[in-house]
Amino acid sequence: MEHVTGILRALGVEVEVATTSEDATSMLAQRQFDVVISDMRRGETPDEGLRFLKRMREKRVYLPTIFTVGQYKPELGTPAHAFGITNRVDELLNLLFDALERTRG
């Protein structure tokens, strides 16, 4: 994600990085965000991104959430309540700018 965060920062997008779901949950409680980008897998937990999204919804945090995955399987579709899912940088940027356009107008 360093490459993606570098691109976004170069475009003037403010980026905050959390390396754990716990850190991300804390960040979401402390300030306002427009979009969440999350790896699906963290550590040894292949569905940690889905678990994190569920916790966000339980805390009534409803932000467009985009998942990145190592191996994308289109036949599985986009996870429920997620804005999108991809393993490609160009698609991630398209999803991100689409989400920002919807949240910022």
PDB file of N, CA and C in Angstrom:
ATOM      1  N   MET A   1       0.814  -1.205   0.000  1.00  0.00           N
ATOM      2  CA  MET A   1       0.000   0.000   0.000  1.00  0.00           C
ATOM      3  C   MET A   1       0.854   1.265   0.000  1.00  0.00           C
ATOM      4  N   GLU A   2       2.152   1.150   0.224  1.00  0.00           N
ATOM      5  CA  GLU A   2       3.003   2.344   0.221  1.00  0.00           C
ATOM      6  C   GLU A   2       2.940   3.065  -1.123  1.00  0.00           C
ATOM      7  N   HIS A   3       2.894   2.298  -2.195  1.00  0.00           N
ATOM      8  CA  HIS A   3       2.812   2.900  -3.533  1.00  0.00           C
ATOM      9  C   HIS A   3       1.508   3.690  -3.667  1.00  0.00           C
ATOM     10  N   VAL A   4       0.414   3.099  -3.240  1.00  0.00           N
ATOM     11  CA  VAL A   4      -0.898   3.753  -3.338  1.00  0.00           C
ATOM     12  C   VAL A   4      -0.948   4.992  -2.450  1.00  0.00           C
ATOM     13  N   THR A   5      -0.468   4.885  -1.219  1.00  0.00           N
ATOM     14  CA  THR A   5      -0.496   6.061  -0.335  1.00  0.00           C
ATOM     15  C   THR A   5       0.379   7.173  -0.900  1.00  0.00           C
ATOM     16  N   GLY A   6       1.477   6.824  -1.540  1.00  0.00           N
ATOM     17  CA  GLY A   6       2.329   7.829  -2.170  1.00  0.00           C
ATOM     18  C   GLY A   6       1.614   8.548  -3.299  1.00  0.00           C
ATOM     19  N   ILE A   7       0.902   7.794  -4.127  1.00  0.00           N
ATOM     20  CA  ILE A   7       0.126   8.395  -5.218  1.00  0.00           C
ATOM     21  C   ILE A   7      -0.926   9.335  -4.645  1.00  0.00           C
ATOM     22  N   LEU A   8      -1.652   8.867  -3.653  1.00  0.00           N
ATOM     23  CA  LEU A   8      -2.726   9.678  -3.071  1.00  0.00           C
ATOM     24  C   LEU A   8      -2.197  10.962  -2.440  1.00  0.00           C
ATOM     25  N   ARG A   9      -1.116  10.845  -1.711  1.00  0.00           N
ATOM     26  CA  ARG A   9      -0.536  12.041  -1.088  1.00  0.00           C
ATOM     27  C   ARG A   9      -0.050  13.026  -2.152  1.00  0.00           C
ATOM     28  N   ALA A  10       0.525  12.506  -3.235  1.00  0.00           N
ATOM     29  CA  ALA A  10       0.973  13.378  -4.323  1.00  0.00           C
ATOM     30  C   ALA A  10      -0.199  14.113  -4.970  1.00  0.00           C
ATOM     31  N   LEU A  11      -1.386  13.520  -4.908  1.00  0.00           N
ATOM     32  CA  LEU A  11      -2.589  14.138  -5.454  1.00  0.00           C
ATOM     33  C   LEU A  11      -3.292  15.057  -4.447  1.00  0.00           C
ATOM     34  N   GLY A  12      -2.720  15.166  -3.253  1.00  0.00           N
ATOM     35  CA  GLY A  12      -3.298  16.047  -2.243  1.00  0.00           C
ATOM     36  C   GLY A  12      -4.341  15.392  -1.362  1.00  0.00           C
ATOM     37  N   VAL A  13      -4.447  14.068  -1.414  1.00  0.00           N
ATOM     38  CA  VAL A  13      -5.392  13.351  -0.570  1.00  0.00           C
ATOM     39  C   VAL A  13      -4.718  13.087   0.771  1.00  0.00           C
ATOM     40  N   GLU A  14      -5.403  13.468   1.848  1.00  0.00           N
ATOM     41  CA  GLU A  14      -4.869  13.210   3.185  1.00  0.00           C
ATOM     42  C   GLU A  14      -5.062  11.729   3.505  1.00  0.00           C
ATOM     43  N   VAL A  15      -3.990  11.066   3.906  1.00  0.00           N
ATOM     44  CA  VAL A  15      -4.005   9.629   4.161  1.00  0.00           C
ATOM     45  C   VAL A  15      -3.519   9.360   5.578  1.00  0.00           C
ATOM     46  N   GLU A  16      -4.272   8.559   6.312  1.00  0.00           N
ATOM     47  CA  GLU A  16      -3.859   8.072   7.630  1.00  0.00           C
ATOM     48  C   GLU A  16      -3.741   6.556   7.513  1.00  0.00           C
ATOM     49  N   VAL A  17      -2.689   5.987   8.095  1.00  0.00           N
ATOM     50  CA  VAL A  17      -2.455   4.553   7.976  1.00  0.00           C
ATOM     51  C   VAL A  17      -2.530   3.897   9.355  1.00  0.00           C
ATOM     52  N   ALA A  18      -3.308   2.838   9.429  1.00  0.00           N
ATOM     53  CA  ALA A  18      -3.366   1.991  10.627  1.00  0.00           C
ATOM     54  C   ALA A  18      -2.950   0.590  10.192  1.00  0.00           C
ATOM     55  N   THR A  19      -2.166  -0.077  11.018  1.00  0.00           N
ATOM     56  CA  THR A  19      -1.692  -1.412  10.635  1.00  0.00           C
ATOM     57  C   THR A  19      -2.487  -2.533  11.293  1.00  0.00           C
ATOM     58  N   THR A  20      -3.387  -2.182  12.214  1.00  0.00           N
ATOM     59  CA  THR A  20      -4.245  -3.186  12.846  1.00  0.00           C
ATOM     60  C   THR A  20      -5.680  -2.680  12.855  1.00  0.00           C
ATOM     61  N   SER A  21      -6.614  -3.600  12.978  1.00  0.00           N
ATOM     62  CA  SER A  21      -8.019  -3.210  13.073  1.00  0.00           C
ATOM     63  C   SER A  21      -8.276  -2.397  14.334  1.00  0.00           C
ATOM     64  N   GLU A  22      -7.575  -2.725  15.393  1.00  0.00           N
ATOM     65  CA  GLU A  22      -7.746  -1.995  16.646  1.00  0.00           C
ATOM     66  C   GLU A  22      -7.299  -0.543  16.491  1.00  0.00           C
ATOM     67  N   ASP A  23      -6.158  -0.340  15.847  1.00  0.00           N
ATOM     68  CA  ASP A  23      -5.687   1.035  15.599  1.00  0.00           C
ATOM     69  C   ASP A  23      -6.658   1.790  14.699  1.00  0.00           C
ATOM     70  N   ALA A  24      -7.166   1.121  13.671  1.00  0.00           N
ATOM     71  CA  ALA A  24      -8.103   1.764  12.759  1.00  0.00           C
ATOM     72  C   ALA A  24      -9.396   2.130  13.478  1.00  0.00           C
ATOM     73  N   THR A  25      -9.890   1.250  14.331  1.00  0.00           N
ATOM     74  CA  THR A  25     -11.106   1.527  15.096  1.00  0.00           C
ATOM     75  C   THR A  25     -10.905   2.744  15.985  1.00  0.00           C
ATOM     76  N   SER A  26      -9.756   2.827  16.613  1.00  0.00           N
ATOM     77  CA  SER A  26      -9.439   3.981  17.461  1.00  0.00           C
ATOM     78  C   SER A  26      -9.392   5.266  16.635  1.00  0.00           C
ATOM     79  N   MET A  27      -8.766   5.206  15.481  1.00  0.00           N
ATOM     80  CA  MET A  27      -8.683   6.384  14.613  1.00  0.00           C
ATOM     81  C   MET A  27     -10.072   6.837  14.170  1.00  0.00           C
ATOM     82  N   LEU A  28     -10.934   5.881  13.830  1.00  0.00           N
ATOM     83  CA  LEU A  28     -12.281   6.219  13.386  1.00  0.00           C
ATOM     84  C   LEU A  28     -13.096   6.874  14.492  1.00  0.00           C
ATOM     85  N   ALA A  29     -12.798   6.519  15.740  1.00  0.00           N
ATOM     86  CA  ALA A  29     -13.514   7.101  16.877  1.00  0.00           C
ATOM     87  C   ALA A  29     -13.032   8.520  17.182  1.00  0.00           C
ATOM     88  N   GLN A  30     -11.816   8.848  16.748  1.00  0.00           N
ATOM     89  CA  GLN A  30     -11.213  10.134  17.108  1.00  0.00           C
ATOM     90  C   GLN A  30     -11.410  11.231  16.077  1.00  0.00           C
ATOM     91  N   ARG A  31     -11.633  10.871  14.812  1.00  0.00           N
ATOM     92  CA  ARG A  31     -11.775  11.908  13.798  1.00  0.00           C
ATOM     93  C   ARG A  31     -12.622  11.448  12.628  1.00  0.00           C
ATOM     94  N   GLN A  32     -12.951  12.393  11.777  1.00  0.00           N
ATOM     95  CA  GLN A  32     -13.824  12.151  10.626  1.00  0.00           C
ATOM     96  C   GLN A  32     -13.006  11.683   9.419  1.00  0.00           C
ATOM     97  N   PHE A  33     -13.516  10.685   8.719  1.00  0.00           N
ATOM     98  CA  PHE A  33     -12.906  10.192   7.487  1.00  0.00           C
ATOM     99  C   PHE A  33     -13.967  10.110   6.407  1.00  0.00           C
ATOM    100  N   ASP A  34     -13.549  10.159   5.160  1.00  0.00           N
ATOM    101  CA  ASP A  34     -14.473  10.051   4.033  1.00  0.00           C
ATOM    102  C   ASP A  34     -14.588   8.624   3.512  1.00  0.00           C
ATOM    103  N   VAL A  35     -13.491   7.875   3.559  1.00  0.00           N
ATOM    104  CA  VAL A  35     -13.424   6.540   2.969  1.00  0.00           C
ATOM    105  C   VAL A  35     -12.445   5.695   3.785  1.00  0.00           C
ATOM    106  N   VAL A  36     -12.689   4.394   3.812  1.00  0.00           N
ATOM    107  CA  VAL A  36     -11.761   3.445   4.422  1.00  0.00           C
ATOM    108  C   VAL A  36     -11.273   2.497   3.336  1.00  0.00           C
ATOM    109  N   ILE A  37      -9.963   2.318   3.267  1.00  0.00           N
ATOM    110  CA  ILE A  37      -9.368   1.295   2.400  1.00  0.00           C
ATOM    111  C   ILE A  37      -8.743   0.274   3.339  1.00  0.00           C
ATOM    112  N   SER A  38      -9.106  -0.978   3.153  1.00  0.00           N
ATOM    113  CA  SER A  38      -8.654  -2.025   4.071  1.00  0.00           C
ATOM    114  C   SER A  38      -8.176  -3.246   3.314  1.00  0.00           C
ATOM    115  N   ASP A  39      -7.057  -3.795   3.741  1.00  0.00           N
ATOM    116  CA  ASP A  39      -6.663  -5.107   3.248  1.00  0.00           C
ATOM    117  C   ASP A  39      -7.688  -6.107   3.770  1.00  0.00           C
ATOM    118  N   MET A  40      -7.983  -7.108   2.988  1.00  0.00           N
ATOM    119  CA  MET A  40      -8.890  -8.153   3.455  1.00  0.00           C
ATOM    120  C   MET A  40      -8.185  -9.021   4.493  1.00  0.00           C
ATOM    121  N   ARG A  41      -6.930  -9.352   4.223  1.00  0.00           N
ATOM    122  CA  ARG A  41      -6.162 -10.208   5.132  1.00  0.00           C
ATOM    123  C   ARG A  41      -5.236  -9.341   5.969  1.00  0.00           C
ATOM    124  N   ARG A  42      -5.193  -9.646   7.249  1.00  0.00           N
ATOM    125  CA  ARG A  42      -4.190  -9.036   8.124  1.00  0.00           C
ATOM    126  C   ARG A  42      -3.605 -10.149   8.978  1.00  0.00           C
ATOM    127  N   GLY A  43      -2.288 -10.253   8.933  1.00  0.00           N
ATOM    128  CA  GLY A  43      -1.633 -11.325   9.683  1.00  0.00           C
ATOM    129  C   GLY A  43      -2.087 -12.673   9.164  1.00  0.00           C
ATOM    130  N   GLU A  44      -2.455 -13.517  10.067  1.00  0.00           N
ATOM    131  CA  GLU A  44      -2.903 -14.868   9.712  1.00  0.00           C
ATOM    132  C   GLU A  44      -4.421 -14.958   9.557  1.00  0.00           C
ATOM    133  N   THR A  45      -5.106 -13.831   9.619  1.00  0.00           N
ATOM    134  CA  THR A  45      -6.568 -13.851   9.545  1.00  0.00           C
ATOM    135  C   THR A  45      -7.009 -13.439   8.145  1.00  0.00           C
ATOM    136  N   PRO A  46      -7.434 -14.396   7.322  1.00  0.00           N
ATOM    137  CA  PRO A  46      -7.745 -14.096   5.929  1.00  0.00           C
ATOM    138  C   PRO A  46      -8.969 -13.199   5.739  1.00  0.00           C
ATOM    139  N   ASP A  47      -9.868 -13.154   6.730  1.00  0.00           N
ATOM    140  CA  ASP A  47     -11.077 -12.339   6.593  1.00  0.00           C
ATOM    141  C   ASP A  47     -11.131 -11.199   7.609  1.00  0.00           C
ATOM    142  N   GLU A  48      -9.965 -10.740   8.042  1.00  0.00           N
ATOM    143  CA  GLU A  48      -9.938  -9.664   9.046  1.00  0.00           C
ATOM    144  C   GLU A  48     -10.626  -8.398   8.545  1.00  0.00           C
ATOM    145  N   GLY A  49     -10.525  -8.125   7.256  1.00  0.00           N
ATOM    146  CA  GLY A  49     -11.203  -6.958   6.710  1.00  0.00           C
ATOM    147  C   GLY A  49     -12.708  -7.037   6.910  1.00  0.00           C
ATOM    148  N   LEU A  50     -13.289  -8.212   6.685  1.00  0.00           N
ATOM    149  CA  LEU A  50     -14.727  -8.388   6.900  1.00  0.00           C
ATOM    150  C   LEU A  50     -15.083  -8.244   8.375  1.00  0.00           C
ATOM    151  N   ARG A  51     -14.245  -8.771   9.232  1.00  0.00           N
ATOM    152  CA  ARG A  51     -14.475  -8.640  10.680  1.00  0.00           C
ATOM    153  C   ARG A  51     -14.431  -7.165  11.092  1.00  0.00           C
ATOM    154  N   PHE A  52     -13.481  -6.427  10.517  1.00  0.00           N
ATOM    155  CA  PHE A  52     -13.352  -5.004  10.804  1.00  0.00           C
ATOM    156  C   PHE A  52     -14.587  -4.243  10.309  1.00  0.00           C
ATOM    157  N   LEU A  53     -15.052  -4.552   9.105  1.00  0.00           N
ATOM    158  CA  LEU A  53     -16.240  -3.904   8.573  1.00  0.00           C
ATOM    159  C   LEU A  53     -17.452  -4.182   9.468  1.00  0.00           C
ATOM    160  N   LYS A  54     -17.566  -5.392   9.961  1.00  0.00           N
ATOM    161  CA  LYS A  54     -18.671  -5.732  10.866  1.00  0.00           C
ATOM    162  C   LYS A  54     -18.590  -4.901  12.144  1.00  0.00           C
ATOM    163  N   ARG A  55     -17.386  -4.754  12.698  1.00  0.00           N
ATOM    164  CA  ARG A  55     -17.221  -3.938  13.914  1.00  0.00           C
ATOM    165  C   ARG A  55     -17.550  -2.470  13.636  1.00  0.00           C
ATOM    166  N   MET A  56     -17.153  -1.983  12.453  1.00  0.00           N
ATOM    167  CA  MET A  56     -17.499  -0.608  12.089  1.00  0.00           C
ATOM    168  C   MET A  56     -19.015  -0.419  12.114  1.00  0.00           C
ATOM    169  N   ARG A  57     -19.732  -1.341  11.515  1.00  0.00           N
ATOM    170  CA  ARG A  57     -21.189  -1.226  11.453  1.00  0.00           C
ATOM    171  C   ARG A  57     -21.810  -1.351  12.842  1.00  0.00           C
ATOM    172  N   GLU A  58     -21.263  -2.209  13.684  1.00  0.00           N
ATOM    173  CA  GLU A  58     -21.766  -2.338  15.056  1.00  0.00           C
ATOM    174  C   GLU A  58     -21.608  -1.032  15.828  1.00  0.00           C
ATOM    175  N   LYS A  59     -20.555  -0.272  15.494  1.00  0.00           N
ATOM    176  CA  LYS A  59     -20.310   1.020  16.144  1.00  0.00           C
ATOM    177  C   LYS A  59     -20.993   2.169  15.390  1.00  0.00           C
ATOM    178  N   ARG A  60     -21.807   1.806  14.394  1.00  0.00           N
ATOM    179  CA  ARG A  60     -22.552   2.768  13.585  1.00  0.00           C
ATOM    180  C   ARG A  60     -21.635   3.719  12.803  1.00  0.00           C
ATOM    181  N   VAL A  61     -20.533   3.160  12.334  1.00  0.00           N
ATOM    182  CA  VAL A  61     -19.622   3.892  11.449  1.00  0.00           C
ATOM    183  C   VAL A  61     -19.912   3.395  10.040  1.00  0.00           C
ATOM    184  N   TYR A  62     -20.568   4.250   9.258  1.00  0.00           N
ATOM    185  CA  TYR A  62     -20.982   3.871   7.911  1.00  0.00           C
ATOM    186  C   TYR A  62     -20.194   4.680   6.890  1.00  0.00           C
ATOM    187  N   LEU A  63     -19.024   4.178   6.540  1.00  0.00           N
ATOM    188  CA  LEU A  63     -18.171   4.830   5.551  1.00  0.00           C
ATOM    189  C   LEU A  63     -17.978   3.896   4.371  1.00  0.00           C
ATOM    190  N   PRO A  64     -17.855   4.465   3.163  1.00  0.00           N
ATOM    191  CA  PRO A  64     -17.525   3.599   2.029  1.00  0.00           C
ATOM    192  C   PRO A  64     -16.210   2.870   2.342  1.00  0.00           C
ATOM    193  N   THR A  65     -16.244   1.557   2.233  1.00  0.00           N
ATOM    194  CA  THR A  65     -15.074   0.737   2.551  1.00  0.00           C
ATOM    195  C   THR A  65     -14.672  -0.055   1.321  1.00  0.00           C
ATOM    196  N   ILE A  66     -13.415   0.110   0.942  1.00  0.00           N
ATOM    197  CA  ILE A  66     -12.868  -0.567  -0.230  1.00  0.00           C
ATOM    198  C   ILE A  66     -11.840  -1.578   0.258  1.00  0.00           C
ATOM    199  N   PHE A  67     -11.982  -2.809  -0.196  1.00  0.00           N
ATOM    200  CA  PHE A  67     -11.048  -3.857   0.202  1.00  0.00           C
ATOM    201  C   PHE A  67     -10.019  -4.121  -0.887  1.00  0.00           C
ATOM    202  N   THR A  68      -8.797  -4.370  -0.446  1.00  0.00           N
ATOM    203  CA  THR A  68      -7.749  -4.842  -1.344  1.00  0.00           C
ATOM    204  C   THR A  68      -7.479  -6.305  -0.998  1.00  0.00           C
ATOM    205  N   VAL A  69      -7.243  -7.084  -2.014  1.00  0.00           N
ATOM    206  CA  VAL A  69      -6.996  -8.513  -1.825  1.00  0.00           C
ATOM    207  C   VAL A  69      -5.810  -8.927  -2.669  1.00  0.00           C
ATOM    208  N   GLY A  70      -5.140  -9.985  -2.249  1.00  0.00           N
ATOM    209  CA  GLY A  70      -4.014 -10.500  -3.018  1.00  0.00           C
ATOM    210  C   GLY A  70      -4.477 -11.182  -4.288  1.00  0.00           C
ATOM    211  N   GLN A  71      -5.512 -11.990  -4.158  1.00  0.00           N
ATOM    212  CA  GLN A  71      -6.042 -12.702  -5.315  1.00  0.00           C
ATOM    213  C   GLN A  71      -7.535 -12.414  -5.391  1.00  0.00           C
ATOM    214  N   TYR A  72      -7.913 -11.661  -6.419  1.00  0.00           N
ATOM    215  CA  TYR A  72      -9.302 -11.257  -6.593  1.00  0.00           C
ATOM    216  C   TYR A  72     -10.073 -12.335  -7.328  1.00  0.00           C
ATOM    217  N   LYS A  73     -11.225 -12.694  -6.781  1.00  0.00           N
ATOM    218  CA  LYS A  73     -12.094 -13.689  -7.408  1.00  0.00           C
ATOM    219  C   LYS A  73     -13.438 -13.020  -7.688  1.00  0.00           C
ATOM    220  N   PRO A  74     -13.608 -12.479  -8.902  1.00  0.00           N
ATOM    221  CA  PRO A  74     -14.830 -11.739  -9.224  1.00  0.00           C
ATOM    222  C   PRO A  74     -16.114 -12.530  -8.982  1.00  0.00           C
ATOM    223  N   GLU A  75     -16.028 -13.843  -9.116  1.00  0.00           N
ATOM    224  CA  GLU A  75     -17.221 -14.668  -8.932  1.00  0.00           C
ATOM    225  C   GLU A  75     -17.764 -14.601  -7.497  1.00  0.00           C
ATOM    226  N   LEU A  76     -16.924 -14.168  -6.554  1.00  0.00           N
ATOM    227  CA  LEU A  76     -17.383 -14.025  -5.164  1.00  0.00           C
ATOM    228  C   LEU A  76     -18.128 -12.718  -4.937  1.00  0.00           C
ATOM    229  N   GLY A  77     -17.988 -11.783  -5.867  1.00  0.00           N
ATOM    230  CA  GLY A  77     -18.679 -10.509  -5.744  1.00  0.00           C
ATOM    231  C   GLY A  77     -18.072  -9.609  -4.688  1.00  0.00           C
ATOM    232  N   THR A  78     -18.717  -8.472  -4.491  1.00  0.00           N
ATOM    233  CA  THR A  78     -18.289  -7.511  -3.476  1.00  0.00           C
ATOM    234  C   THR A  78     -18.921  -7.897  -2.151  1.00  0.00           C
ATOM    235  N   PRO A  79     -18.150  -7.911  -1.066  1.00  0.00           N
ATOM    236  CA  PRO A  79     -18.724  -8.261   0.243  1.00  0.00           C
ATOM    237  C   PRO A  79     -19.870  -7.313   0.614  1.00  0.00           C
ATOM    238  N   ALA A  80     -20.839  -7.848   1.337  1.00  0.00           N
ATOM    239  CA  ALA A  80     -21.973  -7.045   1.794  1.00  0.00           C
ATOM    240  C   ALA A  80     -21.479  -5.825   2.559  1.00  0.00           C
ATOM    241  N   HIS A  81     -22.072  -4.688   2.287  1.00  0.00           N
ATOM    242  CA  HIS A  81     -21.795  -3.408   2.943  1.00  0.00           C
ATOM    243  C   HIS A  81     -20.454  -2.795   2.549  1.00  0.00           C
ATOM    244  N   ALA A  82     -19.738  -3.423   1.625  1.00  0.00           N
ATOM    245  CA  ALA A  82     -18.478  -2.846   1.143  1.00  0.00           C
ATOM    246  C   ALA A  82     -18.762  -2.040  -0.121  1.00  0.00           C
ATOM    247  N   PHE A  83     -17.948  -1.014  -0.349  1.00  0.00           N
ATOM    248  CA  PHE A  83     -18.094  -0.196  -1.553  1.00  0.00           C
ATOM    249  C   PHE A  83     -17.492  -0.892  -2.762  1.00  0.00           C
ATOM    250  N   GLY A  84     -16.422  -1.646  -2.539  1.00  0.00           N
ATOM    251  CA  GLY A  84     -15.779  -2.350  -3.639  1.00  0.00           C
ATOM    252  C   GLY A  84     -14.649  -3.223  -3.148  1.00  0.00           C
ATOM    253  N   ILE A  85     -14.106  -3.998  -4.077  1.00  0.00           N
ATOM    254  CA  ILE A  85     -12.991  -4.886  -3.761  1.00  0.00           C
ATOM    255  C   ILE A  85     -12.148  -5.045  -5.020  1.00  0.00           C
ATOM    256  N   THR A  86     -10.835  -5.051  -4.860  1.00  0.00           N
ATOM    257  CA  THR A  86      -9.952  -5.168  -6.019  1.00  0.00           C
ATOM    258  C   THR A  86      -8.559  -5.614  -5.597  1.00  0.00           C
ATOM    259  N   ASN A  87      -7.787  -6.022  -6.586  1.00  0.00           N
ATOM    260  CA  ASN A  87      -6.366  -6.294  -6.369  1.00  0.00           C
ATOM    261  C   ASN A  87      -5.513  -5.458  -7.321  1.00  0.00           C
ATOM    262  N   ARG A  88      -6.151  -4.482  -7.977  1.00  0.00           N
ATOM    263  CA  ARG A  88      -5.436  -3.642  -8.938  1.00  0.00           C
ATOM    264  C   ARG A  88      -5.413  -2.188  -8.476  1.00  0.00           C
ATOM    265  N   VAL A  89      -4.260  -1.545  -8.638  1.00  0.00           N
ATOM    266  CA  VAL A  89      -4.110  -0.144  -8.219  1.00  0.00           C
ATOM    267  C   VAL A  89      -5.040   0.770  -9.001  1.00  0.00           C
ATOM    268  N   ASP A  90      -5.143   0.585 -10.314  1.00  0.00           N
ATOM    269  CA  ASP A  90      -6.011   1.468 -11.104  1.00  0.00           C
ATOM    270  C   ASP A  90      -7.469   1.348 -10.675  1.00  0.00           C
ATOM    271  N   GLU A  91      -7.927   0.139 -10.408  1.00  0.00           N
ATOM    272  CA  GLU A  91      -9.303  -0.048  -9.942  1.00  0.00           C
ATOM    273  C   GLU A  91      -9.496   0.542  -8.547  1.00  0.00           C
ATOM    274  N   LEU A  92      -8.496   0.390  -7.699  1.00  0.00           N
ATOM    275  CA  LEU A  92      -8.572   0.966  -6.358  1.00  0.00           C
ATOM    276  C   LEU A  92      -8.732   2.480  -6.437  1.00  0.00           C
ATOM    277  N   LEU A  93      -7.941   3.115  -7.288  1.00  0.00           N
ATOM    278  CA  LEU A  93      -8.047   4.566  -7.440  1.00  0.00           C
ATOM    279  C   LEU A  93      -9.407   4.965  -8.008  1.00  0.00           C
ATOM    280  N   ASN A  94      -9.911   4.215  -8.976  1.00  0.00           N
ATOM    281  CA  ASN A  94     -11.247   4.500  -9.513  1.00  0.00           C
ATOM    282  C   ASN A  94     -12.318   4.374  -8.430  1.00  0.00           C
ATOM    283  N   LEU A  95     -12.266   3.301  -7.654  1.00  0.00           N
ATOM    284  CA  LEU A  95     -13.226   3.125  -6.566  1.00  0.00           C
ATOM    285  C   LEU A  95     -13.108   4.252  -5.545  1.00  0.00           C
ATOM    286  N   LEU A  96     -11.880   4.597  -5.205  1.00  0.00           N
ATOM    287  CA  LEU A  96     -11.658   5.650  -4.217  1.00  0.00           C
ATOM    288  C   LEU A  96     -12.225   6.981  -4.679  1.00  0.00           C
ATOM    289  N   PHE A  97     -11.923   7.374  -5.912  1.00  0.00           N
ATOM    290  CA  PHE A  97     -12.406   8.667  -6.393  1.00  0.00           C
ATOM    291  C   PHE A  97     -13.920   8.662  -6.575  1.00  0.00           C
ATOM    292  N   ASP A  98     -14.485   7.522  -6.919  1.00  0.00           N
ATOM    293  CA  ASP A  98     -15.945   7.405  -6.989  1.00  0.00           C
ATOM    294  C   ASP A  98     -16.542   7.608  -5.596  1.00  0.00           C
ATOM    295  N   ALA A  99     -15.965   6.947  -4.591  1.00  0.00           N
ATOM    296  CA  ALA A  99     -16.459   7.092  -3.215  1.00  0.00           C
ATOM    297  C   ALA A  99     -16.305   8.521  -2.720  1.00  0.00           C
ATOM    298  N   LEU A 100     -15.168   9.140  -3.008  1.00  0.00           N
ATOM    299  CA  LEU A 100     -14.951  10.534  -2.573  1.00  0.00           C
ATOM    300  C   LEU A 100     -15.944  11.488  -3.251  1.00  0.00           C
ATOM    301  N   GLU A 101     -16.215  11.244  -4.513  1.00  0.00           N
ATOM    302  CA  GLU A 101     -17.180  12.096  -5.214  1.00  0.00           C
ATOM    303  C   GLU A 101     -18.558  11.982  -4.569  1.00  0.00           C
ATOM    304  N   ARG A 102     -18.910  10.780  -4.117  1.00  0.00           N
ATOM    305  CA  ARG A 102     -20.210  10.593  -3.481  1.00  0.00           C
ATOM    306  C   ARG A 102     -20.258  11.193  -2.073  1.00  0.00           C
ATOM    307  N   THR A 103     -19.149  11.094  -1.338  1.00  0.00           N
ATOM    308  CA  THR A 103     -19.170  11.601   0.038  1.00  0.00           C
ATOM    309  C   THR A 103     -18.929  13.106   0.120  1.00  0.00           C
ATOM    310  N   ARG A 104     -18.123  13.626  -0.801  1.00  0.00           N
ATOM    311  CA  ARG A 104     -17.801  15.051  -0.776  1.00  0.00           C
ATOM    312  C   ARG A 104     -18.651  15.881  -1.728  1.00  0.00           C
ATOM    313  N   GLY A 105     -19.229  15.204  -2.714  1.00  0.00           N
ATOM    314  CA  GLY A 105     -20.094  15.901  -3.675  1.00  0.00           C
ATOM    315  C   GLY A 105     -19.373  16.505  -4.833  1.00  0.00           C
TER     316      GLY A 105
END
